[in-house]
Every structure is written in structure tokens, then in C-alpha cells.
Amino acid sequence: MTDLSPAAQSVMDAAFSVYDCEALYSLTEEQHASMIVVAALRAAADQVVPLPLGFPCNRWINGYLSARQNTRAKILAIATELENHQ
């Protein structure tokens, strides 16, 4: 098996941390699977669109950061929807 990139490994670790959690065995299979997906999506959002660092602001940077945060918000909205799905 080939080594994963640090970003891919982070997503895999997040998914397996929920997969291996014994406290979740009382959940239905669908609930448990949903929690695994949510953990992976949140980790992917952190890897692909991390929270912004302190950049000097200008019009271009503000637009760029706004677009990135919009993408992050959409990914996290999917995770939240799955998390709240019953």
C-alpha cells in the first residue's frame, strides 16, 4: 500500500477515529456511517480550505478569502446536515 499525502491521511484518521469508537456501537448502522462521513468531511474542509491566516488585506485578498470561506461553509453545511439527519 502506498503512503498517503498528509491531507489524505488526516481525512482517513478522522474517519477511522469515529469508525473505531466503541461508544458508537449502540447507534444504527446508518447513524454510525453518517458520523464517519461527517468526520471525513470536516477533516477534508480543514485540509482543503483551512481557516485563514492573517493576510494583509486588499480588494483581491478579501475576494479570494471570501470565496474560500464560502467553499468551506458549503462543505461544513453538508457535514452539519448529515450530522442532524435522523
PDB file of N, CA and C in Angstrom:
ATOM      1  N   MET A   1       0.838  -1.167   0.000  1.00  0.00           N
ATOM      2  CA  MET A   1       0.000   0.000   0.000  1.00  0.00           C
ATOM      3  C   MET A   1       0.893   1.244   0.000  1.00  0.00           C
ATOM      4  N   THR A   2       0.550   2.216  -0.831  1.00  0.00           N
ATOM      5  CA  THR A   2       1.344   3.440  -0.911  1.00  0.00           C
ATOM      6  C   THR A   2       1.000   4.370   0.240  1.00  0.00           C
ATOM      7  N   ASP A   3       1.953   5.213   0.580  1.00  0.00           N
ATOM      8  CA  ASP A   3       1.722   6.199   1.628  1.00  0.00           C
ATOM      9  C   ASP A   3       0.765   7.270   1.122  1.00  0.00           C
ATOM     10  N   LEU A   4      -0.059   7.756   2.017  1.00  0.00           N
ATOM     11  CA  LEU A   4      -0.987   8.829   1.685  1.00  0.00           C
ATOM     12  C   LEU A   4      -0.325  10.180   1.921  1.00  0.00           C
ATOM     13  N   SER A   5      -0.822  11.190   1.232  1.00  0.00           N
ATOM     14  CA  SER A   5      -0.369  12.551   1.497  1.00  0.00           C
ATOM     15  C   SER A   5      -0.825  12.916   2.910  1.00  0.00           C
ATOM     16  N   PRO A   6      -0.200  13.910   3.527  1.00  0.00           N
ATOM     17  CA  PRO A   6      -0.639  14.319   4.860  1.00  0.00           C
ATOM     18  C   PRO A   6      -2.119  14.720   4.900  1.00  0.00           C
ATOM     19  N   ALA A   7      -2.611  15.375   3.845  1.00  0.00           N
ATOM     20  CA  ALA A   7      -4.022  15.781   3.808  1.00  0.00           C
ATOM     21  C   ALA A   7      -4.933  14.560   3.758  1.00  0.00           C
ATOM     22  N   ALA A   8      -4.618  13.618   2.884  1.00  0.00           N
ATOM     23  CA  ALA A   8      -5.434  12.405   2.772  1.00  0.00           C
ATOM     24  C   ALA A   8      -5.357  11.579   4.057  1.00  0.00           C
ATOM     25  N   GLN A   9      -4.187  11.514   4.661  1.00  0.00           N
ATOM     26  CA  GLN A   9      -4.039  10.768   5.911  1.00  0.00           C
ATOM     27  C   GLN A   9      -4.865  11.397   7.023  1.00  0.00           C
ATOM     28  N   SER A  10      -4.944  12.717   7.052  1.00  0.00           N
ATOM     29  CA  SER A  10      -5.745  13.417   8.051  1.00  0.00           C
ATOM     30  C   SER A  10      -7.225  13.056   7.925  1.00  0.00           C
ATOM     31  N   VAL A  11      -7.714  13.005   6.685  1.00  0.00           N
ATOM     32  CA  VAL A  11      -9.119  12.633   6.447  1.00  0.00           C
ATOM     33  C   VAL A  11      -9.347  11.180   6.859  1.00  0.00           C
ATOM     34  N   MET A  12      -8.430  10.305   6.490  1.00  0.00           N
ATOM     35  CA  MET A  12      -8.552   8.881   6.850  1.00  0.00           C
ATOM     36  C   MET A  12      -8.529   8.710   8.361  1.00  0.00           C
ATOM     37  N   ASP A  13      -7.634   9.413   9.046  1.00  0.00           N
ATOM     38  CA  ASP A  13      -7.555   9.316  10.504  1.00  0.00           C
ATOM     39  C   ASP A  13      -8.845   9.789  11.166  1.00  0.00           C
ATOM     40  N   ALA A  14      -9.419  10.863  10.647  1.00  0.00           N
ATOM     41  CA  ALA A  14     -10.678  11.378  11.207  1.00  0.00           C
ATOM     42  C   ALA A  14     -11.795  10.363  11.040  1.00  0.00           C
ATOM     43  N   ALA A  15     -11.877   9.751   9.874  1.00  0.00           N
ATOM     44  CA  ALA A  15     -12.921   8.751   9.628  1.00  0.00           C
ATOM     45  C   ALA A  15     -12.729   7.534  10.523  1.00  0.00           C
ATOM     46  N   PHE A  16     -11.503   7.046  10.638  1.00  0.00           N
ATOM     47  CA  PHE A  16     -11.259   5.855  11.454  1.00  0.00           C
ATOM     48  C   PHE A  16     -11.397   6.126  12.946  1.00  0.00           C
ATOM     49  N   SER A  17     -11.175   7.369  13.375  1.00  0.00           N
ATOM     50  CA  SER A  17     -11.360   7.659  14.798  1.00  0.00           C
ATOM     51  C   SER A  17     -12.814   7.472  15.190  1.00  0.00           C
ATOM     52  N   VAL A  18     -13.737   7.788  14.296  1.00  0.00           N
ATOM     53  CA  VAL A  18     -15.164   7.570  14.561  1.00  0.00           C
ATOM     54  C   VAL A  18     -15.512   6.106  14.326  1.00  0.00           C
ATOM     55  N   TYR A  19     -14.936   5.502  13.305  1.00  0.00           N
ATOM     56  CA  TYR A  19     -15.209   4.098  12.980  1.00  0.00           C
ATOM     57  C   TYR A  19     -14.859   3.182  14.146  1.00  0.00           C
ATOM     58  N   ASP A  20     -13.752   3.469  14.812  1.00  0.00           N
ATOM     59  CA  ASP A  20     -13.269   2.612  15.898  1.00  0.00           C
ATOM     60  C   ASP A  20     -13.829   2.954  17.272  1.00  0.00           C
ATOM     61  N   CYS A  21     -14.653   3.977  17.383  1.00  0.00           N
ATOM     62  CA  CYS A  21     -15.161   4.421  18.677  1.00  0.00           C
ATOM     63  C   CYS A  21     -16.218   3.448  19.209  1.00  0.00           C
ATOM     64  N   GLU A  22     -15.913   2.767  20.299  1.00  0.00           N
ATOM     65  CA  GLU A  22     -16.823   1.771  20.862  1.00  0.00           C
ATOM     66  C   GLU A  22     -18.130   2.377  21.364  1.00  0.00           C
ATOM     67  N   ALA A  23     -18.118   3.622  21.769  1.00  0.00           N
ATOM     68  CA  ALA A  23     -19.329   4.269  22.275  1.00  0.00           C
ATOM     69  C   ALA A  23     -20.390   4.389  21.190  1.00  0.00           C
ATOM     70  N   LEU A  24     -20.005   4.270  19.939  1.00  0.00           N
ATOM     71  CA  LEU A  24     -20.952   4.423  18.840  1.00  0.00           C
ATOM     72  C   LEU A  24     -21.615   3.119  18.424  1.00  0.00           C
ATOM     73  N   TYR A  25     -21.258   2.009  19.046  1.00  0.00           N
ATOM     74  CA  TYR A  25     -21.828   0.724  18.653  1.00  0.00           C
ATOM     75  C   TYR A  25     -23.315   0.625  18.954  1.00  0.00           C
ATOM     76  N   SER A  26     -23.832   1.489  19.822  1.00  0.00           N
ATOM     77  CA  SER A  26     -25.261   1.463  20.128  1.00  0.00           C
ATOM     78  C   SER A  26     -26.088   2.164  19.054  1.00  0.00           C
ATOM     79  N   LEU A  27     -25.433   2.840  18.122  1.00  0.00           N
ATOM     80  CA  LEU A  27     -26.136   3.540  17.053  1.00  0.00           C
ATOM     81  C   LEU A  27     -26.507   2.570  15.941  1.00  0.00           C
ATOM     82  N   THR A  28     -27.456   2.988  15.112  1.00  0.00           N
ATOM     83  CA  THR A  28     -27.775   2.176  13.938  1.00  0.00           C
ATOM     84  C   THR A  28     -26.610   2.248  12.964  1.00  0.00           C
ATOM     85  N   GLU A  29     -26.592   1.334  12.034  1.00  0.00           N
ATOM     86  CA  GLU A  29     -25.524   1.311  11.031  1.00  0.00           C
ATOM     87  C   GLU A  29     -25.517   2.613  10.223  1.00  0.00           C
ATOM     88  N   GLU A  30     -26.701   3.131   9.886  1.00  0.00           N
ATOM     89  CA  GLU A  30     -26.791   4.378   9.124  1.00  0.00           C
ATOM     90  C   GLU A  30     -26.276   5.564   9.940  1.00  0.00           C
ATOM     91  N   GLN A  31     -26.605   5.622  11.227  1.00  0.00           N
ATOM     92  CA  GLN A  31     -26.120   6.715  12.077  1.00  0.00           C
ATOM     93  C   GLN A  31     -24.598   6.677  12.204  1.00  0.00           C
ATOM     94  N   HIS A  32     -24.065   5.467  12.389  1.00  0.00           N
ATOM     95  CA  HIS A  32     -22.618   5.315  12.525  1.00  0.00           C
ATOM     96  C   HIS A  32     -21.918   5.716  11.223  1.00  0.00           C
ATOM     97  N   ALA A  33     -22.454   5.266  10.086  1.00  0.00           N
ATOM     98  CA  ALA A  33     -21.871   5.614   8.794  1.00  0.00           C
ATOM     99  C   ALA A  33     -21.921   7.117   8.575  1.00  0.00           C
ATOM    100  N   SER A  34     -23.028   7.725   8.969  1.00  0.00           N
ATOM    101  CA  SER A  34     -23.175   9.172   8.827  1.00  0.00           C
ATOM    102  C   SER A  34     -22.118   9.907   9.638  1.00  0.00           C
ATOM    103  N   MET A  35     -21.840   9.450  10.835  1.00  0.00           N
ATOM    104  CA  MET A  35     -20.835  10.093  11.682  1.00  0.00           C
ATOM    105  C   MET A  35     -19.435   9.959  11.082  1.00  0.00           C
ATOM    106  N   ILE A  36     -19.162   8.833  10.434  1.00  0.00           N
ATOM    107  CA  ILE A  36     -17.878   8.635   9.768  1.00  0.00           C
ATOM    108  C   ILE A  36     -17.733   9.621   8.618  1.00  0.00           C
ATOM    109  N   VAL A  37     -18.796   9.760   7.822  1.00  0.00           N
ATOM    110  CA  VAL A  37     -18.780  10.687   6.694  1.00  0.00           C
ATOM    111  C   VAL A  37     -18.613  12.128   7.187  1.00  0.00           C
ATOM    112  N   VAL A  38     -19.332  12.478   8.248  1.00  0.00           N
ATOM    113  CA  VAL A  38     -19.235  13.830   8.810  1.00  0.00           C
ATOM    114  C   VAL A  38     -17.804  14.129   9.251  1.00  0.00           C
ATOM    115  N   ALA A  39     -17.183  13.193   9.952  1.00  0.00           N
ATOM    116  CA  ALA A  39     -15.811  13.394  10.410  1.00  0.00           C
ATOM    117  C   ALA A  39     -14.865  13.571   9.226  1.00  0.00           C
ATOM    118  N   ALA A  40     -15.060  12.769   8.181  1.00  0.00           N
ATOM    119  CA  ALA A  40     -14.206  12.875   6.999  1.00  0.00           C
ATOM    120  C   ALA A  40     -14.422  14.209   6.282  1.00  0.00           C
ATOM    121  N   LEU A  41     -15.674  14.653   6.159  1.00  0.00           N
ATOM    122  CA  LEU A  41     -15.943  15.936   5.504  1.00  0.00           C
ATOM    123  C   LEU A  41     -15.335  17.100   6.268  1.00  0.00           C
ATOM    124  N   ARG A  42     -15.466  17.079   7.588  1.00  0.00           N
ATOM    125  CA  ARG A  42     -14.898  18.165   8.397  1.00  0.00           C
ATOM    126  C   ARG A  42     -13.372  18.186   8.273  1.00  0.00           C
ATOM    127  N   ALA A  43     -12.760  17.012   8.267  1.00  0.00           N
ATOM    128  CA  ALA A  43     -11.304  16.952   8.104  1.00  0.00           C
ATOM    129  C   ALA A  43     -10.900  17.417   6.709  1.00  0.00           C
ATOM    130  N   ALA A  44     -11.678  17.045   5.697  1.00  0.00           N
ATOM    131  CA  ALA A  44     -11.377  17.488   4.333  1.00  0.00           C
ATOM    132  C   ALA A  44     -11.486  19.008   4.232  1.00  0.00           C
ATOM    133  N   ALA A  45     -12.510  19.593   4.858  1.00  0.00           N
ATOM    134  CA  ALA A  45     -12.657  21.051   4.845  1.00  0.00           C
ATOM    135  C   ALA A  45     -11.442  21.701   5.489  1.00  0.00           C
ATOM    136  N   ASP A  46     -10.956  21.128   6.578  1.00  0.00           N
ATOM    137  CA  ASP A  46      -9.774  21.683   7.248  1.00  0.00           C
ATOM    138  C   ASP A  46      -8.532  21.588   6.371  1.00  0.00           C
ATOM    139  N   GLN A  47      -8.433  20.521   5.568  1.00  0.00           N
ATOM    140  CA  GLN A  47      -7.264  20.332   4.719  1.00  0.00           C
ATOM    141  C   GLN A  47      -7.333  21.169   3.446  1.00  0.00           C
ATOM    142  N   VAL A  48      -8.511  21.233   2.836  1.00  0.00           N
ATOM    143  CA  VAL A  48      -8.653  21.910   1.553  1.00  0.00           C
ATOM    144  C   VAL A  48      -8.832  23.416   1.712  1.00  0.00           C
ATOM    145  N   VAL A  49      -9.613  23.808   2.717  1.00  0.00           N
ATOM    146  CA  VAL A  49      -9.905  25.228   2.929  1.00  0.00           C
ATOM    147  C   VAL A  49      -9.705  25.541   4.409  1.00  0.00           C
ATOM    148  N   PRO A  50      -8.456  25.592   4.853  1.00  0.00           N
ATOM    149  CA  PRO A  50      -8.209  25.869   6.273  1.00  0.00           C
ATOM    150  C   PRO A  50      -8.652  27.276   6.641  1.00  0.00           C
ATOM    151  N   LEU A  51      -8.828  27.488   7.915  1.00  0.00           N
ATOM    152  CA  LEU A  51      -9.174  28.824   8.386  1.00  0.00           C
ATOM    153  C   LEU A  51      -8.084  29.792   7.954  1.00  0.00           C
ATOM    154  N   PRO A  52      -8.464  31.020   7.605  1.00  0.00           N
ATOM    155  CA  PRO A  52      -7.476  31.958   7.056  1.00  0.00           C
ATOM    156  C   PRO A  52      -6.446  32.399   8.079  1.00  0.00           C
ATOM    157  N   LEU A  53      -5.271  32.657   7.560  1.00  0.00           N
ATOM    158  CA  LEU A  53      -4.211  33.257   8.361  1.00  0.00           C
ATOM    159  C   LEU A  53      -4.317  34.759   8.218  1.00  0.00           C
ATOM    160  N   GLY A  54      -3.519  35.483   8.938  1.00  0.00           N
ATOM    161  CA  GLY A  54      -3.549  36.935   8.836  1.00  0.00           C
ATOM    162  C   GLY A  54      -2.828  37.415   7.592  1.00  0.00           C
ATOM    163  N   PHE A  55      -3.572  37.770   6.565  1.00  0.00           N
ATOM    164  CA  PHE A  55      -3.004  38.315   5.341  1.00  0.00           C
ATOM    165  C   PHE A  55      -3.186  39.829   5.343  1.00  0.00           C
ATOM    166  N   PRO A  56      -2.262  40.556   4.723  1.00  0.00           N
ATOM    167  CA  PRO A  56      -2.536  41.979   4.528  1.00  0.00           C
ATOM    168  C   PRO A  56      -3.737  42.099   3.592  1.00  0.00           C
ATOM    169  N   CYS A  57      -4.685  42.916   3.935  1.00  0.00           N
ATOM    170  CA  CYS A  57      -5.937  42.975   3.190  1.00  0.00           C
ATOM    171  C   CYS A  57      -5.893  43.984   2.060  1.00  0.00           C
ATOM    172  N   ASN A  58      -6.411  43.558   0.944  1.00  0.00           N
ATOM    173  CA  ASN A  58      -6.708  44.435  -0.174  1.00  0.00           C
ATOM    174  C   ASN A  58      -7.937  43.841  -0.862  1.00  0.00           C
ATOM    175  N   ARG A  59      -8.409  44.472  -1.897  1.00  0.00           N
ATOM    176  CA  ARG A  59      -9.647  44.016  -2.536  1.00  0.00           C
ATOM    177  C   ARG A  59      -9.513  42.585  -3.060  1.00  0.00           C
ATOM    178  N   TRP A  60      -8.394  42.272  -3.681  1.00  0.00           N
ATOM    179  CA  TRP A  60      -8.201  40.930  -4.235  1.00  0.00           C
ATOM    180  C   TRP A  60      -8.171  39.880  -3.124  1.00  0.00           C
ATOM    181  N   ILE A  61      -7.396  40.129  -2.092  1.00  0.00           N
ATOM    182  CA  ILE A  61      -7.297  39.171  -0.981  1.00  0.00           C
ATOM    183  C   ILE A  61      -8.651  38.990  -0.319  1.00  0.00           C
ATOM    184  N   ASN A  62      -9.386  40.070  -0.105  1.00  0.00           N
ATOM    185  CA  ASN A  62     -10.704  39.957   0.506  1.00  0.00           C
ATOM    186  C   ASN A  62     -11.634  39.087  -0.332  1.00  0.00           C
ATOM    187  N   GLY A  63     -11.616  39.258  -1.652  1.00  0.00           N
ATOM    188  CA  GLY A  63     -12.443  38.427  -2.537  1.00  0.00           C
ATOM    189  C   GLY A  63     -12.002  36.974  -2.515  1.00  0.00           C
ATOM    190  N   TYR A  64     -10.706  36.770  -2.541  1.00  0.00           N
ATOM    191  CA  TYR A  64     -10.150  35.415  -2.504  1.00  0.00           C
ATOM    192  C   TYR A  64     -10.531  34.702  -1.207  1.00  0.00           C
ATOM    193  N   LEU A  65     -10.333  35.377  -0.073  1.00  0.00           N
ATOM    194  CA  LEU A  65     -10.667  34.780   1.214  1.00  0.00           C
ATOM    195  C   LEU A  65     -12.161  34.539   1.346  1.00  0.00           C
ATOM    196  N   SER A  66     -12.957  35.431   0.807  1.00  0.00           N
ATOM    197  CA  SER A  66     -14.409  35.267   0.843  1.00  0.00           C
ATOM    198  C   SER A  66     -14.830  34.028   0.052  1.00  0.00           C
ATOM    199  N   ALA A  67     -14.249  33.826  -1.119  1.00  0.00           N
ATOM    200  CA  ALA A  67     -14.572  32.650  -1.932  1.00  0.00           C
ATOM    201  C   ALA A  67     -14.145  31.366  -1.220  1.00  0.00           C
ATOM    202  N   ARG A  68     -12.975  31.378  -0.604  1.00  0.00           N
ATOM    203  CA  ARG A  68     -12.504  30.192   0.135  1.00  0.00           C
ATOM    204  C   ARG A  68     -13.423  29.882   1.310  1.00  0.00           C
ATOM    205  N   GLN A  69     -13.811  30.914   2.044  1.00  0.00           N
ATOM    206  CA  GLN A  69     -14.668  30.687   3.201  1.00  0.00           C
ATOM    207  C   GLN A  69     -16.062  30.250   2.778  1.00  0.00           C
ATOM    208  N   ASN A  70     -16.515  30.702   1.616  1.00  0.00           N
ATOM    209  CA  ASN A  70     -17.797  30.249   1.082  1.00  0.00           C
ATOM    210  C   ASN A  70     -17.733  28.760   0.760  1.00  0.00           C
ATOM    211  N   THR A  71     -16.637  28.333   0.156  1.00  0.00           N
ATOM    212  CA  THR A  71     -16.453  26.911  -0.138  1.00  0.00           C
ATOM    213  C   THR A  71     -16.406  26.096   1.152  1.00  0.00           C
ATOM    214  N   ARG A  72     -15.645  26.579   2.128  1.00  0.00           N
ATOM    215  CA  ARG A  72     -15.556  25.886   3.426  1.00  0.00           C
ATOM    216  C   ARG A  72     -16.926  25.796   4.084  1.00  0.00           C
ATOM    217  N   ALA A  73     -17.676  26.880   4.050  1.00  0.00           N
ATOM    218  CA  ALA A  73     -19.008  26.897   4.662  1.00  0.00           C
ATOM    219  C   ALA A  73     -19.939  25.888   3.993  1.00  0.00           C
ATOM    220  N   LYS A  74     -19.842  25.756   2.668  1.00  0.00           N
ATOM    221  CA  LYS A  74     -20.691  24.795   1.962  1.00  0.00           C
ATOM    222  C   LYS A  74     -20.336  23.355   2.341  1.00  0.00           C
ATOM    223  N   ILE A  75     -19.054  23.067   2.443  1.00  0.00           N
ATOM    224  CA  ILE A  75     -18.629  21.715   2.847  1.00  0.00           C
ATOM    225  C   ILE A  75     -19.107  21.431   4.270  1.00  0.00           C
ATOM    226  N   LEU A  76     -18.911  22.384   5.169  1.00  0.00           N
ATOM    227  CA  LEU A  76     -19.328  22.190   6.562  1.00  0.00           C
ATOM    228  C   LEU A  76     -20.850  22.142   6.687  1.00  0.00           C
ATOM    229  N   ALA A  77     -21.581  22.825   5.804  1.00  0.00           N
ATOM    230  CA  ALA A  77     -23.046  22.747   5.821  1.00  0.00           C
ATOM    231  C   ALA A  77     -23.518  21.345   5.465  1.00  0.00           C
ATOM    232  N   ILE A  78     -22.838  20.705   4.526  1.00  0.00           N
ATOM    233  CA  ILE A  78     -23.165  19.314   4.192  1.00  0.00           C
ATOM    234  C   ILE A  78     -22.924  18.426   5.405  1.00  0.00           C
ATOM    235  N   ALA A  79     -21.790  18.614   6.070  1.00  0.00           N
ATOM    236  CA  ALA A  79     -21.476  17.822   7.262  1.00  0.00           C
ATOM    237  C   ALA A  79     -22.525  18.045   8.349  1.00  0.00           C
ATOM    238  N   THR A  80     -22.931  19.288   8.569  1.00  0.00           N
ATOM    239  CA  THR A  80     -23.939  19.592   9.586  1.00  0.00           C
ATOM    240  C   THR A  80     -25.276  18.970   9.228  1.00  0.00           C
ATOM    241  N   GLU A  81     -25.655  19.033   7.960  1.00  0.00           N
ATOM    242  CA  GLU A  81     -26.917  18.425   7.530  1.00  0.00           C
ATOM    243  C   GLU A  81     -26.900  16.921   7.788  1.00  0.00           C
ATOM    244  N   LEU A  82     -25.793  16.271   7.441  1.00  0.00           N
ATOM    245  CA  LEU A  82     -25.677  14.830   7.692  1.00  0.00           C
ATOM    246  C   LEU A  82     -25.684  14.524   9.180  1.00  0.00           C
ATOM    247  N   GLU A  83     -25.044  15.385   9.954  1.00  0.00           N
ATOM    248  CA  GLU A  83     -24.975  15.198  11.393  1.00  0.00           C
ATOM    249  C   GLU A  83     -26.358  15.298  12.045  1.00  0.00           C
ATOM    250  N   ASN A  84     -27.191  16.180  11.506  1.00  0.00           N
ATOM    251  CA  ASN A  84     -28.519  16.400  12.068  1.00  0.00           C
ATOM    252  C   ASN A  84     -29.588  15.495  11.470  1.00  0.00           C
ATOM    253  N   HIS A  85     -29.225  14.744  10.435  1.00  0.00           N
ATOM    254  CA  HIS A  85     -30.186  13.833   9.787  1.00  0.00           C
ATOM    255  C   HIS A  85     -30.502  12.676  10.728  1.00  0.00           C
ATOM    256  N   GLN A  86     -31.766  12.354  10.817  1.00  0.00           N
ATOM    257  CA  GLN A  86     -32.156  11.274  11.740  1.00  0.00           C
ATOM    258  C   GLN A  86     -32.512  10.044  11.011  1.00  0.00           C
TER     259      GLN A  86
END
